[in-house]
């Protein structure tokens, strides 16, 4: 069941990025931090390239598909999660538009951006809770060892791009994000250099 460990690690990576963005926006609102639009754009890029284009397809194609073959239990939750997965492009576009309004100097651009990231984070929090509380226990209950062997292999092959499995080196991007983000989120060494 290595896939379950990978899913939970990827959820933690996503939560860390969302926490960092929300923390920085709060610090900007309080006047303790200057916006680094390069860093924000890199974070949005990660949110698009990782959960939307890598993490969700793995769940749909390998875990959810096998689970649906084994049981009807959890069908409503699976349908909701798959529906959530199809809305990824729209969620990313909303973040990009909010960030663009902020960078463009819109009077309420910071508030729009903060609200967009709060909405995104709340959506993902609920999404991950549903997966971890309802679907993962059903997978443990219904999937066979043969299922797990195939799922684990697929997840090992298609791991978090943060680990360099994708065409982009997300480890290097993450290192630059951490270096640019202010304490206590990162090292605060200056603007993001992409």
N, C-alpha and C. Protein backbone atom coordinates (compact mmCIF):
# COMPACT_ATOMS: atom_id res chain seq x y z
N UNK A 1 0.82 -1.20 0.00
CA UNK A 1 0.00 0.00 0.00
C UNK A 1 0.86 1.26 0.00
N UNK A 2 1.94 1.20 -0.74
CA UNK A 2 2.83 2.35 -0.85
C UNK A 2 2.11 3.56 -1.44
N UNK A 3 1.13 3.32 -2.30
CA UNK A 3 0.38 4.41 -2.91
C UNK A 3 -0.30 5.27 -1.86
N UNK A 4 -0.78 4.67 -0.79
CA UNK A 4 -1.44 5.44 0.26
C UNK A 4 -0.46 6.39 0.93
N UNK A 5 0.76 5.91 1.16
CA UNK A 5 1.79 6.77 1.76
C UNK A 5 2.11 7.92 0.81
N UNK A 6 2.23 7.61 -0.48
CA UNK A 6 2.54 8.64 -1.47
C UNK A 6 1.43 9.68 -1.53
N UNK A 7 0.18 9.24 -1.53
CA UNK A 7 -0.95 10.17 -1.56
C UNK A 7 -0.88 11.10 -0.36
N UNK A 8 -0.66 10.55 0.82
CA UNK A 8 -0.62 11.38 2.02
C UNK A 8 0.57 12.34 2.00
N UNK A 9 1.72 11.91 1.50
CA UNK A 9 2.87 12.82 1.37
C UNK A 9 2.56 13.94 0.38
N UNK A 10 1.90 13.60 -0.72
CA UNK A 10 1.56 14.62 -1.70
C UNK A 10 0.53 15.59 -1.14
N UNK A 11 -0.40 15.11 -0.35
CA UNK A 11 -1.35 16.00 0.32
C UNK A 11 -0.60 16.96 1.25
N UNK A 12 0.40 16.46 1.95
CA UNK A 12 1.18 17.32 2.85
C UNK A 12 1.95 18.38 2.07
N UNK A 13 2.51 18.02 0.92
CA UNK A 13 3.22 19.01 0.08
C UNK A 13 2.27 20.11 -0.37
N UNK A 14 1.09 19.72 -0.82
CA UNK A 14 0.09 20.69 -1.26
C UNK A 14 -0.31 21.60 -0.10
N UNK A 15 -0.58 21.01 1.06
CA UNK A 15 -0.98 21.80 2.22
C UNK A 15 0.11 22.79 2.62
N UNK A 16 1.38 22.39 2.51
CA UNK A 16 2.49 23.28 2.87
C UNK A 16 2.55 24.49 1.95
N UNK A 17 2.37 24.27 0.64
CA UNK A 17 2.39 25.39 -0.30
C UNK A 17 1.23 26.33 -0.02
N UNK A 18 0.04 25.78 0.20
CA UNK A 18 -1.13 26.61 0.47
C UNK A 18 -0.96 27.40 1.77
N UNK A 19 -0.40 26.76 2.77
CA UNK A 19 -0.16 27.45 4.04
C UNK A 19 0.83 28.60 3.83
N UNK A 20 1.87 28.37 3.06
CA UNK A 20 2.88 29.41 2.81
C UNK A 20 2.26 30.61 2.10
N UNK A 21 1.46 30.37 1.07
CA UNK A 21 0.84 31.47 0.33
C UNK A 21 -0.07 32.26 1.25
N UNK A 22 -0.92 31.57 1.99
CA UNK A 22 -1.87 32.26 2.87
C UNK A 22 -1.14 33.05 3.96
N UNK A 23 -0.07 32.48 4.49
CA UNK A 23 0.72 33.18 5.51
C UNK A 23 1.31 34.46 4.93
N UNK A 24 1.90 34.36 3.74
CA UNK A 24 2.51 35.54 3.14
C UNK A 24 1.48 36.62 2.83
N UNK A 25 0.31 36.23 2.35
CA UNK A 25 -0.73 37.23 2.08
C UNK A 25 -1.18 37.92 3.36
N UNK A 26 -1.26 37.17 4.44
CA UNK A 26 -1.62 37.77 5.73
C UNK A 26 -0.55 38.76 6.19
N UNK A 27 0.70 38.40 5.98
CA UNK A 27 1.81 39.29 6.37
C UNK A 27 1.83 40.55 5.49
N UNK A 28 1.49 40.41 4.22
CA UNK A 28 1.42 41.58 3.33
C UNK A 28 0.30 42.50 3.80
N UNK A 29 -0.85 41.94 4.11
CA UNK A 29 -1.98 42.74 4.61
C UNK A 29 -1.59 43.50 5.87
N UNK A 30 -0.80 42.87 6.73
CA UNK A 30 -0.39 43.49 8.00
C UNK A 30 0.76 44.49 7.80
N UNK A 31 1.29 44.60 6.57
CA UNK A 31 2.36 45.54 6.30
C UNK A 31 3.74 45.05 6.70
N UNK A 32 3.86 43.76 6.99
CA UNK A 32 5.16 43.22 7.42
C UNK A 32 5.94 42.55 6.29
N UNK A 33 5.36 42.52 5.10
CA UNK A 33 6.00 41.83 3.98
C UNK A 33 5.64 42.54 2.68
N UNK A 34 6.60 42.60 1.79
CA UNK A 34 6.38 43.16 0.45
C UNK A 34 6.04 42.01 -0.49
N UNK A 35 5.05 42.20 -1.36
CA UNK A 35 4.68 41.10 -2.27
C UNK A 35 5.81 40.73 -3.22
N UNK A 36 5.98 39.44 -3.42
CA UNK A 36 6.93 38.90 -4.39
C UNK A 36 6.10 38.16 -5.43
N UNK A 37 5.76 38.85 -6.50
CA UNK A 37 4.86 38.28 -7.50
C UNK A 37 5.48 37.09 -8.22
N UNK A 38 6.78 37.09 -8.37
CA UNK A 38 7.46 35.93 -8.97
C UNK A 38 7.26 34.69 -8.12
N UNK A 39 7.35 34.85 -6.82
CA UNK A 39 7.14 33.73 -5.89
C UNK A 39 5.70 33.26 -5.95
N UNK A 40 4.75 34.19 -5.93
CA UNK A 40 3.34 33.80 -6.01
C UNK A 40 3.03 33.06 -7.31
N UNK A 41 3.58 33.56 -8.41
CA UNK A 41 3.34 32.90 -9.70
C UNK A 41 3.95 31.50 -9.71
N UNK A 42 5.13 31.34 -9.13
CA UNK A 42 5.76 30.02 -9.06
C UNK A 42 4.92 29.07 -8.22
N UNK A 43 4.32 29.58 -7.16
CA UNK A 43 3.47 28.73 -6.32
C UNK A 43 2.21 28.31 -7.07
N UNK A 44 1.62 29.23 -7.81
CA UNK A 44 0.44 28.89 -8.61
C UNK A 44 0.82 27.87 -9.69
N UNK A 45 1.98 28.06 -10.29
CA UNK A 45 2.45 27.09 -11.29
C UNK A 45 2.57 25.70 -10.67
N UNK A 46 3.13 25.63 -9.47
CA UNK A 46 3.25 24.34 -8.79
C UNK A 46 1.86 23.74 -8.54
N UNK A 47 0.92 24.56 -8.08
CA UNK A 47 -0.43 24.07 -7.80
C UNK A 47 -1.10 23.52 -9.06
N UNK A 48 -0.78 24.11 -10.20
CA UNK A 48 -1.34 23.63 -11.46
C UNK A 48 -0.61 22.37 -11.93
N UNK A 49 0.71 22.42 -11.95
CA UNK A 49 1.49 21.32 -12.51
C UNK A 49 1.47 20.08 -11.63
N UNK A 50 1.27 20.25 -10.35
CA UNK A 50 1.34 19.11 -9.44
C UNK A 50 -0.02 18.53 -9.09
N UNK A 51 -0.84 19.16 -8.26
CA UNK A 51 -2.11 18.47 -7.93
C UNK A 51 -3.06 18.34 -9.11
N UNK A 52 -3.14 19.37 -9.92
CA UNK A 52 -4.13 19.34 -10.99
C UNK A 52 -3.72 18.41 -12.14
N UNK A 53 -2.48 18.42 -12.52
CA UNK A 53 -2.07 17.66 -13.70
C UNK A 53 -1.38 16.35 -13.38
N UNK A 54 -0.97 16.12 -12.15
CA UNK A 54 -0.25 14.89 -11.81
C UNK A 54 -0.98 14.07 -10.74
N UNK A 55 -1.26 14.71 -9.61
CA UNK A 55 -1.82 13.99 -8.46
C UNK A 55 -3.23 13.45 -8.77
N UNK A 56 -4.09 14.31 -9.24
CA UNK A 56 -5.47 13.89 -9.50
C UNK A 56 -5.59 12.80 -10.57
N UNK A 57 -4.89 12.92 -11.69
CA UNK A 57 -4.98 11.83 -12.67
C UNK A 57 -4.52 10.48 -12.12
N UNK A 58 -3.49 10.48 -11.26
CA UNK A 58 -3.05 9.22 -10.65
C UNK A 58 -4.17 8.61 -9.82
N UNK A 59 -4.82 9.44 -9.03
CA UNK A 59 -5.91 8.93 -8.20
C UNK A 59 -7.03 8.37 -9.08
N UNK A 60 -7.44 9.15 -10.08
CA UNK A 60 -8.54 8.72 -10.95
C UNK A 60 -8.20 7.44 -11.70
N UNK A 61 -7.04 7.43 -12.35
CA UNK A 61 -6.68 6.34 -13.26
C UNK A 61 -6.30 5.04 -12.55
N UNK A 62 -5.73 5.13 -11.38
CA UNK A 62 -5.22 3.94 -10.72
C UNK A 62 -6.03 3.54 -9.49
N UNK A 63 -6.14 4.43 -8.53
CA UNK A 63 -6.82 4.08 -7.28
C UNK A 63 -8.34 4.03 -7.44
N UNK A 64 -8.93 5.11 -7.91
CA UNK A 64 -10.39 5.18 -8.00
C UNK A 64 -10.93 4.15 -8.98
N UNK A 65 -10.26 3.98 -10.11
CA UNK A 65 -10.73 3.02 -11.12
C UNK A 65 -10.76 1.60 -10.55
N UNK A 66 -9.72 1.21 -9.84
CA UNK A 66 -9.69 -0.13 -9.24
C UNK A 66 -10.75 -0.27 -8.16
N UNK A 67 -10.92 0.77 -7.36
CA UNK A 67 -11.91 0.70 -6.28
C UNK A 67 -13.32 0.54 -6.85
N UNK A 68 -13.62 1.25 -7.92
CA UNK A 68 -14.94 1.14 -8.55
C UNK A 68 -15.17 -0.26 -9.12
N UNK A 69 -14.11 -0.94 -9.51
CA UNK A 69 -14.25 -2.31 -10.01
C UNK A 69 -14.57 -3.28 -8.88
N UNK A 70 -14.17 -2.96 -7.66
CA UNK A 70 -14.32 -3.87 -6.53
C UNK A 70 -15.58 -3.67 -5.70
N UNK A 71 -16.12 -2.43 -5.68
CA UNK A 71 -17.27 -2.17 -4.81
C UNK A 71 -18.06 -0.95 -5.28
N UNK A 72 -19.33 -0.94 -4.88
CA UNK A 72 -20.17 0.25 -5.10
C UNK A 72 -20.13 1.14 -3.86
N UNK A 73 -19.57 0.63 -2.79
CA UNK A 73 -19.47 1.40 -1.55
C UNK A 73 -18.62 2.64 -1.82
N UNK A 74 -19.11 3.79 -1.37
CA UNK A 74 -18.38 5.04 -1.57
C UNK A 74 -18.57 5.66 -2.95
N UNK A 75 -19.54 5.15 -3.72
CA UNK A 75 -19.73 5.64 -5.09
C UNK A 75 -20.02 7.13 -5.13
N UNK A 76 -20.82 7.61 -4.18
CA UNK A 76 -21.16 9.04 -4.16
C UNK A 76 -19.91 9.89 -3.87
N UNK A 77 -19.11 9.45 -2.91
CA UNK A 77 -17.88 10.18 -2.59
C UNK A 77 -16.91 10.16 -3.77
N UNK A 78 -16.77 9.02 -4.42
CA UNK A 78 -15.89 8.93 -5.60
C UNK A 78 -16.37 9.85 -6.71
N UNK A 79 -17.68 9.89 -6.93
CA UNK A 79 -18.22 10.76 -7.98
C UNK A 79 -17.92 12.23 -7.65
N UNK A 80 -18.06 12.58 -6.39
CA UNK A 80 -17.77 13.96 -5.99
C UNK A 80 -16.29 14.29 -6.21
N UNK A 81 -15.41 13.38 -5.80
CA UNK A 81 -13.97 13.61 -5.96
C UNK A 81 -13.59 13.72 -7.44
N UNK A 82 -14.13 12.85 -8.26
CA UNK A 82 -13.83 12.92 -9.69
C UNK A 82 -14.37 14.22 -10.30
N UNK A 83 -15.53 14.64 -9.84
CA UNK A 83 -16.08 15.92 -10.30
C UNK A 83 -15.16 17.06 -9.87
N UNK A 84 -14.69 17.01 -8.63
CA UNK A 84 -13.74 18.01 -8.14
C UNK A 84 -12.51 18.06 -9.03
N UNK A 85 -12.03 16.89 -9.43
CA UNK A 85 -10.82 16.82 -10.24
C UNK A 85 -11.02 17.50 -11.60
N UNK A 86 -12.21 17.42 -12.15
CA UNK A 86 -12.45 18.03 -13.47
C UNK A 86 -12.48 19.55 -13.41
N UNK A 87 -12.65 20.13 -12.22
CA UNK A 87 -12.72 21.58 -12.09
C UNK A 87 -11.38 22.26 -11.85
N UNK A 88 -10.30 21.51 -11.96
CA UNK A 88 -8.99 22.05 -11.63
C UNK A 88 -8.56 23.25 -12.45
N UNK A 89 -8.80 23.21 -13.74
CA UNK A 89 -8.37 24.31 -14.60
C UNK A 89 -9.05 25.62 -14.18
N UNK A 90 -10.34 25.54 -13.87
CA UNK A 90 -11.07 26.73 -13.44
C UNK A 90 -10.55 27.30 -12.13
N UNK A 91 -10.18 26.42 -11.21
CA UNK A 91 -9.64 26.89 -9.92
C UNK A 91 -8.29 27.60 -10.13
N UNK A 92 -7.46 27.05 -11.00
CA UNK A 92 -6.16 27.68 -11.27
C UNK A 92 -6.36 29.02 -11.97
N UNK A 93 -7.26 29.07 -12.93
CA UNK A 93 -7.53 30.33 -13.64
C UNK A 93 -8.01 31.40 -12.67
N UNK A 94 -8.81 31.02 -11.67
CA UNK A 94 -9.28 31.99 -10.67
C UNK A 94 -8.11 32.55 -9.86
N UNK A 95 -7.15 31.69 -9.50
CA UNK A 95 -5.97 32.16 -8.77
C UNK A 95 -5.14 33.10 -9.65
N UNK A 96 -4.94 32.70 -10.91
CA UNK A 96 -4.15 33.53 -11.82
C UNK A 96 -4.80 34.89 -12.04
N UNK A 97 -6.12 34.91 -12.21
CA UNK A 97 -6.83 36.18 -12.44
C UNK A 97 -6.74 37.08 -11.20
N UNK A 98 -6.90 36.48 -10.03
CA UNK A 98 -6.80 37.27 -8.80
C UNK A 98 -5.41 37.86 -8.65
N UNK A 99 -4.41 37.05 -8.88
CA UNK A 99 -3.03 37.51 -8.76
C UNK A 99 -2.72 38.60 -9.79
N UNK A 100 -3.24 38.45 -10.99
CA UNK A 100 -3.06 39.46 -12.03
C UNK A 100 -3.69 40.79 -11.62
N UNK A 101 -4.86 40.74 -11.02
CA UNK A 101 -5.51 41.98 -10.58
C UNK A 101 -4.69 42.65 -9.48
N UNK A 102 -4.12 41.86 -8.61
CA UNK A 102 -3.29 42.40 -7.53
C UNK A 102 -2.00 43.00 -8.11
N UNK A 103 -1.32 42.26 -8.96
CA UNK A 103 -0.08 42.75 -9.55
C UNK A 103 -0.33 43.98 -10.41
N UNK A 104 -1.50 44.03 -11.03
CA UNK A 104 -1.86 45.17 -11.88
C UNK A 104 -2.27 46.41 -11.12
N UNK A 105 -2.31 46.34 -9.81
CA UNK A 105 -2.61 47.51 -9.00
C UNK A 105 -4.07 47.77 -8.73
N UNK A 106 -4.93 46.78 -8.98
CA UNK A 106 -6.35 46.96 -8.66
C UNK A 106 -6.47 47.34 -7.18
N UNK A 107 -7.34 48.29 -6.86
CA UNK A 107 -7.45 48.75 -5.47
C UNK A 107 -7.74 47.64 -4.46
N UNK A 108 -8.54 46.67 -4.84
CA UNK A 108 -8.85 45.57 -3.92
C UNK A 108 -8.16 44.27 -4.36
N UNK A 109 -7.08 44.40 -5.12
CA UNK A 109 -6.37 43.24 -5.65
C UNK A 109 -5.83 42.32 -4.57
N UNK A 110 -5.30 42.88 -3.50
CA UNK A 110 -4.77 42.04 -2.42
C UNK A 110 -5.91 41.25 -1.77
N UNK A 111 -7.03 41.91 -1.52
CA UNK A 111 -8.16 41.22 -0.90
C UNK A 111 -8.72 40.14 -1.81
N UNK A 112 -8.82 40.44 -3.09
CA UNK A 112 -9.31 39.46 -4.07
C UNK A 112 -8.39 38.25 -4.10
N UNK A 113 -7.09 38.50 -4.09
CA UNK A 113 -6.10 37.41 -4.12
C UNK A 113 -6.16 36.57 -2.86
N UNK A 114 -6.24 37.23 -1.71
CA UNK A 114 -6.32 36.51 -0.44
C UNK A 114 -7.58 35.64 -0.40
N UNK A 115 -8.70 36.20 -0.86
CA UNK A 115 -9.95 35.44 -0.87
C UNK A 115 -9.86 34.25 -1.82
N UNK A 116 -9.24 34.46 -2.99
CA UNK A 116 -9.09 33.37 -3.96
C UNK A 116 -8.25 32.23 -3.38
N UNK A 117 -7.16 32.56 -2.71
CA UNK A 117 -6.33 31.51 -2.11
C UNK A 117 -7.03 30.87 -0.91
N UNK A 118 -7.77 31.65 -0.14
CA UNK A 118 -8.54 31.05 0.96
C UNK A 118 -9.57 30.06 0.42
N UNK A 119 -10.27 30.45 -0.64
CA UNK A 119 -11.26 29.55 -1.25
C UNK A 119 -10.59 28.28 -1.79
N UNK A 120 -9.46 28.45 -2.45
CA UNK A 120 -8.71 27.32 -2.99
C UNK A 120 -8.28 26.38 -1.86
N UNK A 121 -7.74 26.95 -0.80
CA UNK A 121 -7.28 26.15 0.34
C UNK A 121 -8.44 25.42 1.02
N UNK A 122 -9.56 26.10 1.17
CA UNK A 122 -10.72 25.47 1.80
C UNK A 122 -11.25 24.34 0.94
N UNK A 123 -11.30 24.56 -0.37
CA UNK A 123 -11.72 23.50 -1.28
C UNK A 123 -10.83 22.28 -1.09
N UNK A 124 -9.51 22.49 -1.12
CA UNK A 124 -8.59 21.36 -1.01
C UNK A 124 -8.62 20.69 0.35
N UNK A 125 -8.82 21.47 1.38
CA UNK A 125 -8.92 20.87 2.71
C UNK A 125 -10.08 19.89 2.73
N UNK A 126 -11.25 20.31 2.27
CA UNK A 126 -12.42 19.44 2.24
C UNK A 126 -12.22 18.25 1.31
N UNK A 127 -11.59 18.48 0.19
CA UNK A 127 -11.32 17.43 -0.79
C UNK A 127 -10.41 16.35 -0.18
N UNK A 128 -9.34 16.77 0.46
CA UNK A 128 -8.39 15.82 1.04
C UNK A 128 -9.00 15.07 2.22
N UNK A 129 -9.83 15.77 3.00
CA UNK A 129 -10.51 15.10 4.12
C UNK A 129 -11.42 13.99 3.59
N UNK A 130 -12.17 14.28 2.54
CA UNK A 130 -13.06 13.27 1.96
C UNK A 130 -12.25 12.06 1.48
N UNK A 131 -11.16 12.32 0.79
CA UNK A 131 -10.32 11.21 0.32
C UNK A 131 -9.78 10.38 1.48
N UNK A 132 -9.22 11.07 2.46
CA UNK A 132 -8.52 10.37 3.54
C UNK A 132 -9.46 9.68 4.53
N UNK A 133 -10.64 10.25 4.73
CA UNK A 133 -11.57 9.65 5.70
C UNK A 133 -12.51 8.62 5.10
N UNK A 134 -12.84 8.78 3.82
CA UNK A 134 -13.81 7.86 3.22
C UNK A 134 -13.21 6.91 2.19
N UNK A 135 -12.44 7.45 1.26
CA UNK A 135 -11.98 6.62 0.14
C UNK A 135 -10.79 5.75 0.51
N UNK A 136 -9.81 6.29 1.19
CA UNK A 136 -8.63 5.48 1.53
C UNK A 136 -9.00 4.29 2.44
N UNK A 137 -9.87 4.46 3.43
CA UNK A 137 -10.29 3.28 4.19
C UNK A 137 -11.03 2.24 3.33
N UNK A 138 -11.83 2.69 2.37
CA UNK A 138 -12.51 1.75 1.48
C UNK A 138 -11.50 1.02 0.61
N UNK A 139 -10.48 1.72 0.18
CA UNK A 139 -9.43 1.07 -0.61
C UNK A 139 -8.74 -0.01 0.21
N UNK A 140 -8.42 0.30 1.46
CA UNK A 140 -7.79 -0.71 2.33
C UNK A 140 -8.69 -1.93 2.50
N UNK A 141 -9.98 -1.68 2.57
CA UNK A 141 -10.96 -2.74 2.83
C UNK A 141 -11.21 -3.62 1.61
N UNK A 142 -11.30 -3.03 0.42
CA UNK A 142 -11.80 -3.76 -0.75
C UNK A 142 -10.75 -4.17 -1.78
N UNK A 143 -9.62 -3.49 -1.83
CA UNK A 143 -8.66 -3.81 -2.88
C UNK A 143 -7.84 -5.04 -2.52
N UNK A 144 -7.50 -5.80 -3.53
CA UNK A 144 -6.73 -7.03 -3.35
C UNK A 144 -5.24 -6.73 -3.40
N UNK A 145 -4.44 -7.71 -3.06
CA UNK A 145 -2.99 -7.53 -3.15
C UNK A 145 -2.57 -7.27 -4.60
N UNK A 146 -3.22 -7.94 -5.53
CA UNK A 146 -2.94 -7.70 -6.95
C UNK A 146 -3.24 -6.25 -7.32
N UNK A 147 -4.38 -5.73 -6.82
CA UNK A 147 -4.71 -4.32 -7.06
C UNK A 147 -3.62 -3.42 -6.51
N UNK A 148 -3.22 -3.69 -5.26
CA UNK A 148 -2.21 -2.84 -4.62
C UNK A 148 -0.88 -2.91 -5.35
N UNK A 149 -0.51 -4.07 -5.83
CA UNK A 149 0.75 -4.19 -6.57
C UNK A 149 0.73 -3.28 -7.80
N UNK A 150 -0.36 -3.28 -8.53
CA UNK A 150 -0.47 -2.46 -9.74
C UNK A 150 -0.54 -0.97 -9.39
N UNK A 151 -1.33 -0.64 -8.37
CA UNK A 151 -1.47 0.76 -7.96
C UNK A 151 -0.14 1.30 -7.43
N UNK A 152 0.52 0.52 -6.58
CA UNK A 152 1.80 0.95 -6.02
C UNK A 152 2.83 1.19 -7.12
N UNK A 153 2.87 0.29 -8.08
CA UNK A 153 3.82 0.45 -9.20
C UNK A 153 3.52 1.73 -9.97
N UNK A 154 2.25 1.99 -10.24
CA UNK A 154 1.87 3.20 -10.96
C UNK A 154 2.24 4.46 -10.17
N UNK A 155 2.01 4.44 -8.88
CA UNK A 155 2.33 5.60 -8.05
C UNK A 155 3.84 5.79 -7.90
N UNK A 156 4.58 4.69 -7.82
CA UNK A 156 6.05 4.81 -7.74
C UNK A 156 6.61 5.42 -9.02
N UNK A 157 6.04 5.02 -10.14
CA UNK A 157 6.50 5.50 -11.44
C UNK A 157 6.15 6.96 -11.65
N UNK A 158 5.04 7.38 -11.12
CA UNK A 158 4.47 8.70 -11.39
C UNK A 158 4.41 9.51 -10.10
N UNK A 159 5.56 9.66 -9.42
CA UNK A 159 5.56 10.33 -8.11
C UNK A 159 5.50 11.84 -8.23
N UNK A 160 5.34 12.46 -7.08
CA UNK A 160 5.30 13.90 -6.93
C UNK A 160 6.42 14.54 -7.75
N UNK A 161 6.08 15.48 -8.62
CA UNK A 161 7.12 16.12 -9.41
C UNK A 161 8.12 16.88 -8.54
N UNK A 162 7.78 17.11 -7.29
CA UNK A 162 8.72 17.73 -6.37
C UNK A 162 9.98 16.88 -6.28
N UNK A 163 9.84 15.59 -6.56
CA UNK A 163 10.97 14.67 -6.49
C UNK A 163 11.67 14.52 -7.83
N UNK A 164 11.32 15.36 -8.79
CA UNK A 164 12.06 15.38 -10.05
C UNK A 164 11.60 14.38 -11.08
N UNK A 165 10.46 13.70 -10.88
CA UNK A 165 10.00 12.71 -11.84
C UNK A 165 9.38 13.35 -13.07
N UNK A 166 9.01 14.61 -12.97
CA UNK A 166 8.38 15.30 -14.10
C UNK A 166 9.45 15.94 -14.98
N UNK A 167 9.03 16.57 -16.05
CA UNK A 167 9.95 17.26 -16.93
C UNK A 167 10.59 18.46 -16.24
N UNK A 168 9.95 18.98 -15.21
CA UNK A 168 10.49 20.11 -14.47
C UNK A 168 11.14 19.59 -13.19
N UNK A 169 12.11 20.31 -12.71
CA UNK A 169 12.75 19.94 -11.46
C UNK A 169 12.06 20.69 -10.33
N UNK A 170 11.01 20.10 -9.81
CA UNK A 170 10.25 20.75 -8.76
C UNK A 170 11.01 20.82 -7.44
N UNK A 171 11.98 19.95 -7.25
CA UNK A 171 12.81 20.07 -6.05
C UNK A 171 13.55 21.40 -6.07
N UNK A 172 14.10 21.76 -7.21
CA UNK A 172 14.81 23.03 -7.32
C UNK A 172 13.85 24.20 -7.15
N UNK A 173 12.65 24.09 -7.75
CA UNK A 173 11.65 25.13 -7.59
C UNK A 173 11.26 25.26 -6.12
N UNK A 174 11.01 24.13 -5.47
CA UNK A 174 10.62 24.18 -4.07
C UNK A 174 11.74 24.79 -3.23
N UNK A 175 12.98 24.46 -3.51
CA UNK A 175 14.11 25.04 -2.77
C UNK A 175 14.13 26.55 -2.93
N UNK A 176 13.88 27.04 -4.15
CA UNK A 176 13.84 28.49 -4.37
C UNK A 176 12.64 29.11 -3.68
N UNK A 177 11.51 28.41 -3.65
CA UNK A 177 10.34 28.92 -2.93
C UNK A 177 10.66 29.07 -1.45
N UNK A 178 11.27 28.05 -0.87
CA UNK A 178 11.62 28.08 0.55
C UNK A 178 12.64 29.19 0.82
N UNK A 179 13.61 29.33 -0.07
CA UNK A 179 14.63 30.37 0.12
C UNK A 179 14.01 31.76 0.06
N UNK A 180 13.03 31.96 -0.81
CA UNK A 180 12.44 33.28 -0.99
C UNK A 180 11.36 33.60 0.03
N UNK A 181 10.67 32.59 0.52
CA UNK A 181 9.57 32.82 1.46
C UNK A 181 10.12 33.33 2.79
N UNK A 182 9.36 34.21 3.44
CA UNK A 182 9.84 34.76 4.71
C UNK A 182 9.73 33.74 5.84
N UNK A 183 10.53 33.93 6.90
CA UNK A 183 10.36 33.09 8.08
C UNK A 183 8.96 33.33 8.66
N UNK A 184 8.33 32.41 9.28
CA UNK A 184 8.78 31.07 9.62
C UNK A 184 8.53 30.04 8.52
N UNK A 185 7.99 30.48 7.38
CA UNK A 185 7.70 29.56 6.27
C UNK A 185 8.97 29.16 5.56
N UNK A 186 9.87 30.10 5.32
CA UNK A 186 11.08 29.82 4.58
C UNK A 186 12.28 30.51 5.20
N UNK A 187 13.28 30.74 4.37
CA UNK A 187 14.54 31.34 4.84
C UNK A 187 14.57 32.84 4.67
N UNK A 188 13.69 33.37 3.82
CA UNK A 188 13.60 34.81 3.65
C UNK A 188 14.82 35.45 3.03
N UNK A 189 15.45 34.78 2.07
CA UNK A 189 16.68 35.30 1.50
C UNK A 189 16.46 36.24 0.33
N UNK A 190 15.24 36.58 0.05
CA UNK A 190 15.00 37.57 -1.00
C UNK A 190 14.02 37.08 -2.03
N UNK A 191 13.84 37.92 -3.09
CA UNK A 191 12.83 37.61 -4.10
C UNK A 191 13.08 36.26 -4.78
N UNK A 192 12.00 35.69 -5.23
CA UNK A 192 12.06 34.43 -5.95
C UNK A 192 12.77 34.63 -7.27
N UNK A 193 13.70 33.73 -7.56
CA UNK A 193 14.41 33.77 -8.84
C UNK A 193 14.09 32.46 -9.56
N UNK A 194 13.17 32.53 -10.53
CA UNK A 194 12.67 31.34 -11.22
C UNK A 194 13.55 30.79 -12.22
